[in-house]
C-alpha atoms as a PDB file:
ATOM      1  CA  MET A   1     126.891 141.150  79.565  1.00  0.00           C
ATOM      2  CA  ASN A   2     129.929 138.908  78.973  1.00  0.00           C
ATOM      3  CA  GLU A   3     129.307 137.214  82.327  1.00  0.00           C
ATOM      4  CA  ILE A   4     125.661 136.561  81.388  1.00  0.00           C
ATOM      5  CA  ASN A   5     126.663 135.139  77.998  1.00  0.00           C
ATOM      6  CA  ASN A   6     129.278 132.967  79.652  1.00  0.00           C
ATOM      7  CA  ASN A   7     126.772 131.649  82.199  1.00  0.00           C
ATOM      8  CA  GLU A   8     124.244 130.937  79.441  1.00  0.00           C
ATOM      9  CA  GLN A   9     126.869 129.055  77.466  1.00  0.00           C
ATOM     10  CA  LEU A  10     127.842 126.955  80.489  1.00  0.00           C
ATOM     11  CA  VAL A  11     124.191 126.130  81.246  1.00  0.00           C
ATOM     12  CA  ASN A  12     123.377 125.221  77.639  1.00  0.00           C
ATOM     13  CA  THR A  13     126.481 123.058  77.276  1.00  0.00           C
ATOM     14  CA  PHE A  14     125.738 121.209  80.496  1.00  0.00           C
ATOM     15  CA  LEU A  15     122.056 120.631  79.688  1.00  0.00           C
ATOM     16  CA  LYS A  16     122.768 119.435  76.140  1.00  0.00           C
ATOM     17  CA  GLU A  17     125.245 116.873  77.471  1.00  0.00           C
ATOM     18  CA  PHE A  18     122.911 115.983  80.351  1.00  0.00           C
ATOM     19  CA  TYR A  19     119.901 115.249  78.142  1.00  0.00           C
ATOM     20  CA  ASP A  20     121.990 113.505  75.469  1.00  0.00           C
ATOM     21  CA  ALA A  21     123.411 111.173  78.125  1.00  0.00           C
ATOM     22  CA  ASN A  22     120.239 110.562  80.147  1.00  0.00           C
ATOM     23  CA  TYR A  23     117.159 111.031  77.975  1.00  0.00           C
ATOM     24  CA  ASN A  24     116.746 107.491  76.613  1.00  0.00           C
ATOM     25  CA  GLU A  25     116.968 105.881  80.050  1.00  0.00           C
ATOM     26  CA  ASN A  26     114.759 108.529  81.709  1.00  0.00           C
ATOM     27  CA  LYS A  27     112.315 109.382  78.927  1.00  0.00           C
ATOM     28  CA  LEU A  28     109.243 108.996  81.135  1.00  0.00           C
ATOM     29  CA  LEU A  29     110.686 111.267  83.814  1.00  0.00           C
ATOM     30  CA  PHE A  30     111.678 114.017  81.380  1.00  0.00           C
ATOM     31  CA  ASP A  31     108.444 113.784  79.419  1.00  0.00           C
ATOM     32  CA  ASN A  32     106.596 114.391  82.701  1.00  0.00           C
ATOM     33  CA  MET A  33     108.930 117.143  83.865  1.00  0.00           C
ATOM     34  CA  GLN A  34     106.439 119.898  83.050  1.00  0.00           C
ATOM     35  CA  ASN A  35     103.803 118.272  85.280  1.00  0.00           C
ATOM     36  CA  ILE A  36     106.354 117.803  88.062  1.00  0.00           C
ATOM     37  CA  TYR A  37     107.453 121.419  87.667  1.00  0.00           C
ATOM     38  CA  ILE A  38     103.833 122.579  88.038  1.00  0.00           C
ATOM     39  CA  MET A  39     103.642 120.739  91.364  1.00  0.00           C
ATOM     40  CA  ILE A  40     107.045 121.976  92.565  1.00  0.00           C
ATOM     41  CA  SER A  41     106.146 125.531  91.501  1.00  0.00           C
ATOM     42  CA  PHE A  42     102.828 125.342  93.346  1.00  0.00           C
ATOM     43  CA  LEU A  43     104.494 124.109  96.541  1.00  0.00           C
ATOM     44  CA  TYR A  44     107.312 126.659  96.184  1.00  0.00           C
ATOM     45  CA  ASN A  45     104.718 129.444  96.208  1.00  0.00           C
ATOM     46  CA  ASN A  46     102.463 127.958  98.893  1.00  0.00           C
ATOM     47  CA  MET A  47     104.382 125.635 101.213  1.00  0.00           C
ATOM     48  CA  GLN A  48     105.240 127.448 104.439  1.00  0.00           C
ATOM     49  CA  GLU A  49     108.470 127.329 106.394  1.00  0.00           C
ATOM     50  CA  LEU A  50     108.477 125.603 109.764  1.00  0.00           C
ATOM     51  CA  ASP A  51     109.641 128.163 112.305  1.00  0.00           C
ATOM     52  CA  ILE A  52     110.983 125.728 114.883  1.00  0.00           C
ATOM     53  CA  GLU A  53     114.645 125.671 115.871  1.00  0.00           C
ATOM     54  CA  LYS A  54     116.912 123.006 114.402  1.00  0.00           C
ATOM     55  CA  GLN A  55     116.823 119.697 116.236  1.00  0.00           C
ATOM     56  CA  ASN A  56     119.904 117.852 117.490  1.00  0.00           C
ATOM     57  CA  LEU A  57     119.410 114.162 116.705  1.00  0.00           C
ATOM     58  CA  ARG A  58     122.551 113.372 118.701  1.00  0.00           C
ATOM     59  CA  GLU A  59     120.354 113.795 121.772  1.00  0.00           C
ATOM     60  CA  SER A  60     118.123 110.912 120.652  1.00  0.00           C
ATOM     61  CA  GLN A  61     117.852 107.821 122.830  1.00  0.00           C
ATOM     62  CA  ARG A  62     120.626 105.308 122.213  1.00  0.00           C
ATOM     63  CA  THR A  63     119.908 101.714 121.296  1.00  0.00           C
ATOM     64  CA  SER A  64     121.485  98.540 119.922  1.00  0.00           C
ATOM     65  CA  ILE A  65     121.077  96.906 116.531  1.00  0.00           C
ATOM     66  CA  VAL A  66     119.415  93.929 118.257  1.00  0.00           C
ATOM     67  CA  GLU A  67     116.736  96.217 119.727  1.00  0.00           C
ATOM     68  CA  VAL A  68     116.288  98.008 116.398  1.00  0.00           C
ATOM     69  CA  GLU A  69     115.909  94.718 114.558  1.00  0.00           C
ATOM     70  CA  LYS A  70     113.000  93.759 116.817  1.00  0.00           C
ATOM     71  CA  ILE A  71     111.340  97.189 116.514  1.00  0.00           C
ATOM     72  CA  ILE A  72     111.537  97.145 112.701  1.00  0.00           C
ATOM     73  CA  ASP A  73     110.233  93.550 112.498  1.00  0.00           C
ATOM     74  CA  ASP A  74     107.364  94.419 114.861  1.00  0.00           C
ATOM     75  CA  PHE A  75     106.574  97.488 112.745  1.00  0.00           C
ATOM     76  CA  TYR A  76     106.199  95.464 109.550  1.00  0.00           C
ATOM     77  CA  LYS A  77     104.267  92.756 111.371  1.00  0.00           C
ATOM     78  CA  ASN A  78     101.923  95.437 112.717  1.00  0.00           C
ATOM     79  CA  LEU A  79     101.330  96.661 109.135  1.00  0.00           C
ATOM     80  CA  GLY A  80     100.719  93.160 107.827  1.00  0.00           C
ATOM     81  CA  ILE A  81     103.848  93.245 105.651  1.00  0.00           C
ATOM     82  CA  ASP A  82     105.854  90.022 105.361  1.00  0.00           C
ATOM     83  CA  PHE A  83     109.403  91.249 105.868  1.00  0.00           C
ATOM     84  CA  LYS A  84     112.198  90.007 108.157  1.00  0.00           C
ATOM     85  CA  PHE A  85     114.997  92.483 108.778  1.00  0.00           C
ATOM     86  CA  ASN A  86     117.361  89.744 109.941  1.00  0.00           C
ATOM     87  CA  GLU A  87     117.195  88.010 106.554  1.00  0.00           C
ATOM     88  CA  ILE A  88     118.754  90.945 104.675  1.00  0.00           C
ATOM     89  CA  ILE A  89     121.429  91.225 107.357  1.00  0.00           C
ATOM     90  CA  LYS A  90     122.328  87.545 106.994  1.00  0.00           C
ATOM     91  CA  ASP A  91     122.452  87.539 103.183  1.00  0.00           C
ATOM     92  CA  GLY A  92     124.711  90.603 103.057  1.00  0.00           C
ATOM     93  CA  THR A  93     122.150  92.987 101.579  1.00  0.00           C
ATOM     94  CA  PHE A  94     122.133  95.241 104.642  1.00  0.00           C
ATOM     95  CA  ASN A  95     125.545  96.676 105.498  1.00  0.00           C
ATOM     96  CA  ILE A  96     126.681  99.135 108.161  1.00  0.00           C
ATOM     97  CA  ILE A  97     129.319 101.407 106.656  1.00  0.00           C
ATOM     98  CA  ARG A  98     130.542 102.662 110.008  1.00  0.00           C
ATOM     99  CA  THR A  99     129.453 102.748 113.646  1.00  0.00           C
ATOM    100  CA  ASN A 100     129.850 106.197 115.158  1.00  0.00           C
ATOM    101  CA  ASN A 101     129.853 107.830 118.529  1.00  0.00           C
ATOM    102  CA  PRO A 102     126.704 110.007 118.189  1.00  0.00           C
ATOM    103  CA  LYS A 103     128.570 113.158 119.240  1.00  0.00           C
ATOM    104  CA  GLU A 104     131.055 112.649 116.406  1.00  0.00           C
ATOM    105  CA  ALA A 105     128.536 111.720 113.685  1.00  0.00           C
ATOM    106  CA  SER A 106     128.183 114.207 110.844  1.00  0.00           C
ATOM    107  CA  ASN A 107     124.784 115.493 109.671  1.00  0.00           C
ATOM    108  CA  TYR A 108     125.251 113.418 106.532  1.00  0.00           C
ATOM    109  CA  GLU A 109     125.687 110.275 108.636  1.00  0.00           C
ATOM    110  CA  LEU A 110     122.642 111.130 110.766  1.00  0.00           C
ATOM    111  CA  TYR A 111     120.280 111.638 107.823  1.00  0.00           C
ATOM    112  CA  THR A 112     121.407 109.450 104.936  1.00  0.00           C
ATOM    113  CA  GLY A 113     121.786 105.908 103.700  1.00  0.00           C
ATOM    114  CA  LYS A 114     122.182 104.432 100.252  1.00  0.00           C
ATOM    115  CA  ASN A 115     120.340 101.780  98.305  1.00  0.00           C
ATOM    116  CA  HIS A 116     122.066 100.483  95.181  1.00  0.00           C
ATOM    117  CA  TYR A 117     123.315  97.482  93.214  1.00  0.00           C
ATOM    118  CA  TYR A 118     126.709  95.863  92.980  1.00  0.00           C
ATOM    119  CA  ILE A 119     128.020  93.155  90.666  1.00  0.00           C
ATOM    120  CA  ILE A 120     128.957  89.748  92.065  1.00  0.00           C
ATOM    121  CA  THR A 121     131.418  87.705  90.034  1.00  0.00           C
ATOM    122  CA  GLU A 122     132.522  84.152  90.803  1.00  0.00           C
ATOM    123  CA  TYR A 123     135.414  82.791  88.756  1.00  0.00           C
ATOM    124  CA  TYR A 124     138.549  80.670  88.735  1.00  0.00           C
ATOM    125  CA  GLU A 125     141.809  81.217  86.892  1.00  0.00           C
ATOM    126  CA  ASP A 126     142.809  78.748  84.196  1.00  0.00           C
ATOM    127  CA  PRO A 127     146.598  78.283  84.639  1.00  0.00           C
ATOM    128  CA  LYS A 128     147.089  77.019  81.086  1.00  0.00           C
ATOM    129  CA  MET A 129     145.161  79.759  79.297  1.00  0.00           C
ATOM    130  CA  LYS A 130     146.097  82.333  81.960  1.00  0.00           C
ATOM    131  CA  GLU A 131     142.623  83.778  81.976  1.00  0.00           C
ATOM    132  CA  LYS A 132     139.636  84.095  84.297  1.00  0.00           C
ATOM    133  CA  ILE A 133     136.807  81.644  83.729  1.00  0.00           C
ATOM    134  CA  ILE A 134     133.543  83.253  84.847  1.00  0.00           C
ATOM    135  CA  LEU A 135     131.288  80.851  86.747  1.00  0.00           C
ATOM    136  CA  TYR A 136     128.642  83.352  87.771  1.00  0.00           C
ATOM    137  CA  GLU A 137     128.012  87.047  87.323  1.00  0.00           C
ATOM    138  CA  GLY A 138     124.962  88.792  88.709  1.00  0.00           C
ATOM    139  CA  ILE A 139     123.606  91.976  90.206  1.00  0.00           C
ATOM    140  CA  HIS A 140     123.028  92.083  93.952  1.00  0.00           C
ATOM    141  CA  LYS A 141     120.887  94.620  95.800  1.00  0.00           C
ATOM    142  CA  ALA A 142     122.640  96.431  98.634  1.00  0.00           C
ATOM    143  CA  ILE A 143     121.711  98.804 101.474  1.00  0.00           C
ATOM    144  CA  ASN A 144     124.558 100.781 103.046  1.00  0.00           C
ATOM    145  CA  VAL A 145     123.839 102.806 106.183  1.00  0.00           C
ATOM    146  CA  TYR A 146     125.513 104.388 109.185  1.00  0.00           C
ATOM    147  CA  ASN A 147     124.955 103.202 112.741  1.00  0.00           C
ATOM    148  CA  ASN A 148     125.167 106.096 115.188  1.00  0.00           C
ATOM    149  CA  THR A 149     123.720 103.884 117.968  1.00  0.00           C
ATOM    150  CA  LEU A 150     120.608 106.093 118.032  1.00  0.00           C
ATOM    151  CA  ILE A 151     116.965 105.033 117.696  1.00  0.00           C
ATOM    152  CA  THR A 152     116.613 107.610 114.907  1.00  0.00           C
ATOM    153  CA  ASP A 153     119.078 105.585 112.784  1.00  0.00           C
ATOM    154  CA  SER A 154     116.287 103.062 112.320  1.00  0.00           C
ATOM    155  CA  ILE A 155     114.205 105.700 110.505  1.00  0.00           C
ATOM    156  CA  ILE A 156     116.861 105.967 107.788  1.00  0.00           C
ATOM    157  CA  TRP A 157     117.114 102.179 107.685  1.00  0.00           C
ATOM    158  CA  VAL A 158     113.360 101.802 107.110  1.00  0.00           C
ATOM    159  CA  HIS A 159     113.539 104.440 104.343  1.00  0.00           C
ATOM    160  CA  GLU A 160     116.248 102.431 102.570  1.00  0.00           C
ATOM    161  CA  ILE A 161     114.426  99.130 103.199  1.00  0.00           C
ATOM    162  CA  SER A 162     111.413 100.645 101.421  1.00  0.00           C
ATOM    163  CA  HIS A 163     113.580 101.305  98.358  1.00  0.00           C
ATOM    164  CA  TYR A 164     114.858  97.737  98.552  1.00  0.00           C
ATOM    165  CA  LYS A 165     111.341  96.282  98.664  1.00  0.00           C
ATOM    166  CA  ASN A 166     110.269  97.888  95.375  1.00  0.00           C
ATOM    167  CA  GLN A 167     113.643  97.698  93.655  1.00  0.00           C
ATOM    168  CA  PRO A 168     113.726  95.545  90.505  1.00  0.00           C
ATOM    169  CA  SER A 169     116.266  92.736  90.386  1.00  0.00           C
ATOM    170  CA  GLU A 170     118.441  94.451  87.783  1.00  0.00           C
ATOM    171  CA  LYS A 171     117.624  98.093  87.097  1.00  0.00           C
ATOM    172  CA  ARG A 172     115.343 100.815  88.397  1.00  0.00           C
ATOM    173  CA  GLU A 173     113.643 102.879  85.691  1.00  0.00           C
ATOM    174  CA  GLY A 174     110.374 104.450  84.565  1.00  0.00           C
ATOM    175  CA  VAL A 175     107.545 104.857  87.070  1.00  0.00           C
ATOM    176  CA  ASN A 176     109.484 102.742  89.573  1.00  0.00           C
ATOM    177  CA  ASP A 177     112.301 105.274  89.515  1.00  0.00           C
ATOM    178  CA  ILE A 178     110.004 108.304  89.697  1.00  0.00           C
ATOM    179  CA  LEU A 179     107.872 107.110  92.628  1.00  0.00           C
ATOM    180  CA  THR A 180     110.294 105.189  94.830  1.00  0.00           C
ATOM    181  CA  GLU A 181     111.134 108.273  96.948  1.00  0.00           C
ATOM    182  CA  LEU A 182     107.432 108.958  97.430  1.00  0.00           C
ATOM    183  CA  LEU A 183     106.973 105.448  98.840  1.00  0.00           C
ATOM    184  CA  ALA A 184     110.175 105.509 100.903  1.00  0.00           C
ATOM    185  CA  PHE A 185     109.211 108.768 102.628  1.00  0.00           C
ATOM    186  CA  THR A 186     105.655 107.461 103.133  1.00  0.00           C
ATOM    187  CA  GLU A 187     106.939 104.326 104.855  1.00  0.00           C
ATOM    188  CA  GLU A 188     109.389 106.440 106.836  1.00  0.00           C
ATOM    189  CA  PHE A 189     106.653 108.722 108.197  1.00  0.00           C
ATOM    190  CA  ILE A 190     104.417 105.781 109.110  1.00  0.00           C
ATOM    191  CA  TYR A 191     107.383 104.194 110.908  1.00  0.00           C
ATOM    192  CA  ILE A 192     108.085 107.444 112.797  1.00  0.00           C
ATOM    193  CA  ASP A 193     104.456 107.322 113.890  1.00  0.00           C
ATOM    194  CA  TYR A 194     105.032 103.763 115.138  1.00  0.00           C
ATOM    195  CA  LEU A 195     108.093 104.892 117.139  1.00  0.00           C
ATOM    196  CA  GLU A 196     105.921 107.551 118.757  1.00  0.00           C
ATOM    197  CA  GLN A 197     103.309 104.929 119.686  1.00  0.00           C
ATOM    198  CA  ILE A 198     105.886 102.719 121.433  1.00  0.00           C
ATOM    199  CA  GLY A 199     107.314 105.557 123.504  1.00  0.00           C
ATOM    200  CA  TYR A 200     109.844 107.416 121.351  1.00  0.00           C
ATOM    201  CA  ASP A 201     107.695 110.554 121.075  1.00  0.00           C
ATOM    202  CA  LYS A 202     110.611 112.975 121.548  1.00  0.00           C
ATOM    203  CA  GLU A 203     112.652 111.343 118.757  1.00  0.00           C
ATOM    204  CA  ALA A 204     109.622 111.073 116.473  1.00  0.00           C
ATOM    205  CA  LYS A 205     108.859 114.774 116.756  1.00  0.00           C
ATOM    206  CA  MET A 206     112.513 115.755 116.295  1.00  0.00           C
ATOM    207  CA  PHE A 207     112.835 113.745 113.098  1.00  0.00           C
ATOM    208  CA  LYS A 208     109.541 114.963 111.654  1.00  0.00           C
ATOM    209  CA  ILE A 209     110.644 118.561 112.215  1.00  0.00           C
ATOM    210  CA  GLU A 210     113.955 118.023 110.468  1.00  0.00           C
ATOM    211  CA  GLU A 211     112.399 116.053 107.608  1.00  0.00           C
ATOM    212  CA  TYR A 212     109.836 118.785 106.969  1.00  0.00           C
ATOM    213  CA  LYS A 213     112.644 121.360 106.909  1.00  0.00           C
ATOM    214  CA  ASN A 214     114.729 119.200 104.562  1.00  0.00           C
ATOM    215  CA  LEU A 215     111.888 118.607 102.108  1.00  0.00           C
ATOM    216  CA  HIS A 216     110.905 122.280 102.162  1.00  0.00           C
ATOM    217  CA  ASN A 217     114.531 123.136 101.463  1.00  0.00           C
ATOM    218  CA  PHE A 218     114.538 120.891  98.396  1.00  0.00           C
ATOM    219  CA  ILE A 219     111.513 122.745  97.042  1.00  0.00           C
ATOM    220  CA  LYS A 220     112.886 126.173  97.933  1.00  0.00           C
ATOM    221  CA  ASN A 221     116.277 125.586  96.298  1.00  0.00           C
ATOM    222  CA  GLY A 222     115.320 123.047  93.652  1.00  0.00           C
ATOM    223  CA  TYR A 223     112.475 125.036  92.102  1.00  0.00           C
ATOM    224  CA  HIS A 224     114.962 127.214  90.203  1.00  0.00           C
ATOM    225  CA  ILE A 225     116.934 124.182  89.016  1.00  0.00           C
ATOM    226  CA  VAL A 226     113.876 122.575  87.423  1.00  0.00           C
ATOM    227  CA  LYS A 227     112.770 125.931  86.014  1.00  0.00           C
ATOM    228  CA  ILE A 228     115.975 126.249  83.969  1.00  0.00           C
ATOM    229  CA  ALA A 229     116.141 122.532  83.079  1.00  0.00           C
ATOM    230  CA  LEU A 230     112.547 122.626  81.817  1.00  0.00           C
ATOM    231  CA  LEU A 231     113.250 125.728  79.737  1.00  0.00           C
ATOM    232  CA  TYR A 232     115.987 123.921  77.819  1.00  0.00           C
ATOM    233  CA  PHE A 233     113.911 120.732  77.512  1.00  0.00           C
ATOM    234  CA  LEU A 234     110.903 122.530  75.983  1.00  0.00           C
ATOM    235  CA  LEU A 235     112.568 125.243  73.880  1.00  0.00           C
ATOM    236  CA  GLY A 236     116.021 123.773  73.182  1.00  0.00           C
ATOM    237  CA  GLU A 237     118.037 126.713  74.499  1.00  0.00           C
ATOM    238  CA  VAL A 238     118.374 128.736  77.676  1.00  0.00           C
ATOM    239  CA  SER A 239     118.195 132.439  76.833  1.00  0.00           C
ATOM    240  CA  LYS A 240     116.482 135.513  78.211  1.00  0.00           C
ATOM    241  CA  GLU A 241     114.163 135.600  75.205  1.00  0.00           C
ATOM    242  CA  ASN A 242     113.098 131.979  75.686  1.00  0.00           C
ATOM    243  CA  TYR A 243     112.731 132.571  79.423  1.00  0.00           C
ATOM    244  CA  LYS A 244     110.261 135.376  78.702  1.00  0.00           C
ATOM    245  CA  ILE A 245     108.370 133.182  76.225  1.00  0.00           C
ATOM    246  CA  LEU A 246     107.916 130.343  78.705  1.00  0.00           C
ATOM    247  CA  TYR A 247     107.606 132.191  82.008  1.00  0.00           C
ATOM    248  CA  LYS A 248     106.294 135.591  80.824  1.00  0.00           C
ATOM    249  CA  GLU A 249     108.928 137.513  82.776  1.00  0.00           C
ATOM    250  CA  ASP A 250     112.699 137.782  83.157  1.00  0.00           C
ATOM    251  CA  LYS A 251     112.853 138.501  86.876  1.00  0.00           C
ATOM    252  CA  ASN A 252     116.078 137.222  88.477  1.00  0.00           C
ATOM    253  CA  TYR A 253     117.087 135.500  85.224  1.00  0.00           C
ATOM    254  CA  ASP A 254     120.771 136.371  85.613  1.00  0.00           C
ATOM    255  CA  ASP A 255     120.817 135.223  89.248  1.00  0.00           C
ATOM    256  CA  LEU A 256     119.137 131.958  88.284  1.00  0.00           C
ATOM    257  CA  LEU A 257     121.882 131.188  85.777  1.00  0.00           C
ATOM    258  CA  LYS A 258     124.556 131.721  88.442  1.00  0.00           C
ATOM    259  CA  LYS A 259     122.632 129.618  90.936  1.00  0.00           C
ATOM    260  CA  PHE A 260     122.146 126.830  88.406  1.00  0.00           C
ATOM    261  CA  ASN A 261     125.852 126.723  87.558  1.00  0.00           C
ATOM    262  CA  THR A 262     126.808 126.682  91.234  1.00  0.00           C
ATOM    263  CA  GLU A 263     124.421 123.807  91.975  1.00  0.00           C
ATOM    264  CA  ILE A 264     125.485 121.610  89.055  1.00  0.00           C
ATOM    265  CA  ASN A 265     129.140 122.161  89.926  1.00  0.00           C
ATOM    266  CA  ASN A 266     128.399 120.827  93.412  1.00  0.00           C
ATOM    267  CA  ASN A 267     126.193 117.957  92.222  1.00  0.00           C
ATOM    268  CA  LYS A 268     125.953 116.864  88.589  1.00  0.00           C
ATOM    269  CA  ASN A 269     122.792 114.875  89.391  1.00  0.00           C
ATOM    270  CA  ILE A 270     120.970 117.753  91.124  1.00  0.00           C
ATOM    271  CA  ILE A 271     118.178 117.742  88.498  1.00  0.00           C
ATOM    272  CA  PHE A 272     117.341 114.105  89.270  1.00  0.00           C
ATOM    273  CA  THR A 273     117.507 114.771  93.021  1.00  0.00           C
ATOM    274  CA  VAL A 274     115.100 117.712  92.826  1.00  0.00           C
ATOM    275  CA  LEU A 275     112.605 115.883  90.598  1.00  0.00           C
ATOM    276  CA  PHE A 276     112.566 112.733  92.745  1.00  0.00           C
ATOM    277  CA  TYR A 277     112.362 114.614  96.057  1.00  0.00           C
ATOM    278  CA  GLY A 278     109.749 116.969  94.643  1.00  0.00           C
ATOM    279  CA  ILE A 279     107.538 113.968  93.911  1.00  0.00           C
ATOM    280  CA  GLY A 280     108.612 112.574  97.293  1.00  0.00           C
ATOM    281  CA  LEU A 281     106.733 115.384  99.029  1.00  0.00           C
ATOM    282  CA  ILE A 282     103.470 113.641  98.128  1.00  0.00           C
ATOM    283  CA  SER A 283     104.490 111.251 100.930  1.00  0.00           C
ATOM    284  CA  ILE A 284     103.201 113.768 103.492  1.00  0.00           C
ATOM    285  CA  TYR A 285      99.831 113.675 101.709  1.00  0.00           C
ATOM    286  CA  ASN A 286      99.943 109.845 101.908  1.00  0.00           C
ATOM    287  CA  TYR A 287     100.856 109.884 105.588  1.00  0.00           C
ATOM    288  CA  ILE A 288      98.037 112.246 106.574  1.00  0.00           C
ATOM    289  CA  GLU A 289      95.518 110.234 104.517  1.00  0.00           C
ATOM    290  CA  TYR A 290      96.691 107.139 106.412  1.00  0.00           C
ATOM    291  CA  LYS A 291      96.310 108.986 109.728  1.00  0.00           C
ATOM    292  CA  LYS A 292      92.760 109.975 108.785  1.00  0.00           C
ATOM    293  CA  ASP A 293      91.876 106.459 107.667  1.00  0.00           C
ATOM    294  CA  PRO A 294      94.278 103.514 108.253  1.00  0.00           C
ATOM    295  CA  SER A 295      92.641 101.613 105.378  1.00  0.00           C
ATOM    296  CA  PHE A 296      94.540 104.003 103.061  1.00  0.00           C
ATOM    297  CA  LEU A 297      97.502 101.729 103.795  1.00  0.00           C
ATOM    298  CA  GLU A 298      96.069  99.254 101.278  1.00  0.00           C
ATOM    299  CA  LYS A 299      96.434 101.885  98.546  1.00  0.00           C
ATOM    300  CA  ILE A 300     100.048 102.478  99.583  1.00  0.00           C
ATOM    301  CA  LYS A 301     100.738  98.727  99.491  1.00  0.00           C
ATOM    302  CA  LYS A 302      99.101  98.449  96.078  1.00  0.00           C
ATOM    303  CA  LEU A 303     101.180 101.346  94.738  1.00  0.00           C
ATOM    304  CA  ASN A 304     104.325  99.661  96.054  1.00  0.00           C
ATOM    305  CA  GLU A 305     103.404  96.500  94.131  1.00  0.00           C
ATOM    306  CA  GLU A 306     102.236  98.209  90.943  1.00  0.00           C
ATOM    307  CA  ILE A 307     105.400 100.252  90.360  1.00  0.00           C
ATOM    308  CA  MET A 308     107.129  96.895  89.821  1.00  0.00           C
ATOM    309  CA  THR A 309     104.982  96.477  86.676  1.00  0.00           C
ATOM    310  CA  ASP A 310     104.623  98.476  83.434  1.00  0.00           C
ATOM    311  CA  ILE A 311     102.009 100.772  84.964  1.00  0.00           C
ATOM    312  CA  SER A 312     101.825 104.362  83.682  1.00  0.00           C
ATOM    313  CA  LEU A 313     102.624 107.309  85.945  1.00  0.00           C
ATOM    314  CA  GLU A 314      99.038 108.552  85.666  1.00  0.00           C
ATOM    315  CA  ALA A 315      97.599 105.145  86.630  1.00  0.00           C
ATOM    316  CA  ALA A 316     100.075 104.765  89.491  1.00  0.00           C
ATOM    317  CA  LEU A 317      99.202 108.114  91.055  1.00  0.00           C
ATOM    318  CA  LYS A 318      95.496 107.373  90.576  1.00  0.00           C
ATOM    319  CA  ILE A 319      95.903 104.514  93.086  1.00  0.00           C
ATOM    320  CA  ILE A 320      96.475 107.140  95.810  1.00  0.00           C
ATOM    321  CA  ASP A 321      93.806 109.475  94.349  1.00  0.00           C
ATOM    322  CA  ILE A 322      96.264 111.958  92.823  1.00  0.00           C
ATOM    323  CA  LYS A 323      96.122 113.441  89.303  1.00  0.00           C
ATOM    324  CA  LEU A 324      98.554 116.399  89.662  1.00  0.00           C
ATOM    325  CA  ASP A 325      95.710 118.713  88.653  1.00  0.00           C
ATOM    326  CA  GLN A 326      94.775 121.800  90.682  1.00  0.00           C
ATOM    327  CA  GLU A 327      92.322 119.897  92.875  1.00  0.00           C
ATOM    328  CA  SER A 328      94.974 117.306  93.775  1.00  0.00           C
ATOM    329  CA  LEU A 329      97.605 119.978  94.358  1.00  0.00           C
ATOM    330  CA  ASN A 330      95.277 121.696  96.815  1.00  0.00           C
ATOM    331  CA  ARG A 331      94.729 118.412  98.687  1.00  0.00           C
ATOM    332  CA  ILE A 332      98.475 117.749  98.815  1.00  0.00           C
ATOM    333  CA  LEU A 333      99.071 121.241 100.221  1.00  0.00           C
ATOM    334  CA  LYS A 334      96.215 120.861 102.707  1.00  0.00           C
ATOM    335  CA  ASN A 335      97.765 117.676 104.123  1.00  0.00           C
ATOM    336  CA  ILE A 336     101.226 119.262 104.233  1.00  0.00           C
ATOM    337  CA  ASN A 337      99.715 122.115 106.265  1.00  0.00           C
ATOM    338  CA  ILE A 338      98.020 119.630 108.626  1.00  0.00           C
ATOM    339  CA  PHE A 339     101.405 117.943 109.142  1.00  0.00           C
ATOM    340  CA  ARG A 340     103.116 121.287 109.777  1.00  0.00           C
ATOM    341  CA  GLU A 341     100.430 122.604 112.129  1.00  0.00           C
ATOM    342  CA  ASP A 342     100.570 119.420 114.201  1.00  0.00           C
ATOM    343  CA  LEU A 343     104.311 119.909 114.713  1.00  0.00           C
ATOM    344  CA  ILE A 344     103.789 123.551 115.727  1.00  0.00           C
ATOM    345  CA  GLU A 345     101.027 122.577 118.149  1.00  0.00           C
ATOM    346  CA  LYS A 346     103.247 119.959 119.782  1.00  0.00           C
ATOM    347  CA  GLU A 347     106.084 122.475 120.077  1.00  0.00           C
ATOM    348  CA  ILE A 348     103.778 124.992 121.804  1.00  0.00           C
ATOM    349  CA  LYS A 349     102.591 122.323 124.256  1.00  0.00           C
ATOM    350  CA  LYS A 350     106.195 121.347 124.998  1.00  0.00           C
ATOM    351  CA  LYS A 351     107.163 124.944 125.820  1.00  0.00           C
ATOM    352  CA  LYS A 352     104.150 125.366 128.121  1.00  0.00           C
ATOM    353  CA  HIS A 353     105.296 122.377 130.127  1.00  0.00           C
END
C-alpha cells in the first residue's frame, strides 16, 4: 500500500508541475486530449501487430548526398511542390550532424532527425562601454540529420523537410503543433512510394515495415501514458477512486502507475510525444487515400497550408475528411489494415521467390 501511495504521489506531483508549466502554451492540445485519447484507445484495441521480422536498414543501398539531392528534388517536382533541397543546404538550414559508416550507425541515427529553431545574434563589442552592441537577433529554422550514406537516410530527411515547410517563422503552436507529425509522416510515406517507383523497392518495403512497427509501438506503450495524464487533466487527481469513476474499472491500476513513473523518468516529454505520434498515425489513412486517388494530394497540400493559419483543429481535420468520430475511426483503421496487409502480401511473395 505504501508503494502505491508513493507512486500516486509521484504521478500527481509530476502532472501538476507538467500542466502548470505547459498548459497555457498547449491549451488547444490539452483541451482536445480526450478526443485524441479516444482515437489512441480505439487503435490500441484494434490495430494489429505486424508479424514480420525486424529489418536491418544497414543493408540498404548506399548512395551519395548529390544523388539524394536529385532524388528529393525530383520527388517534389513530381508532386508539383516548389521546393529546392539545395537551397536549404546553402543557407545553412539543413545540417548533417555526422556521417557514419552504416555498419556502425545506431538505430537512433538510422531513424531520427531533428527540426528546430536556433537564435542568430550579430553584434560588435564597444571598447569604451565594454559591452556588446546587438546589430541583429533573430530565430533561424534548422534541420539536423545523420548521414549513414544509405538511400533510406533520405526518408528521414524528407520527414524533417516536411516539418520545415509548415514551420512558422518563430514558434510552433496550436493546430500547427498538433498536426505537423501527421503531415510529416504522410509526406514520408508518399516519398517511400516514390523510391519504390524508381527502383528502391527493397528499401521502401523495409522502411515501411519498421515504420509500421514503430508507430504501433507508440500506441501500444503510449496508450497507458495518455490514460493517466487524461485522468489528472479531467478530475484533478490520480487515484484509484477517480480511475474507477473515469474508466469504470481498476484493472492494472497499480502497474500503470509504475509504468507511468518509469516512462516519465526516461523522457519528461513523453506525453507530448505520444499525443503527437498518436495523431501522426492518421498519416497512414492519408497515404492509402492518396494511393486510391492521387487527387487526394490536393487535400494534403491544403492541410499543409492551412495549419499555418488560425484554423481550428476540427476544420483542419475536415480538410482530409476526418472528424474523430466512430465512422472516421473505422476508416482510419481500415486504411491501416490495408497498409499492413499489403506489407504481409509482399513478404509472402518474397519468401516464395
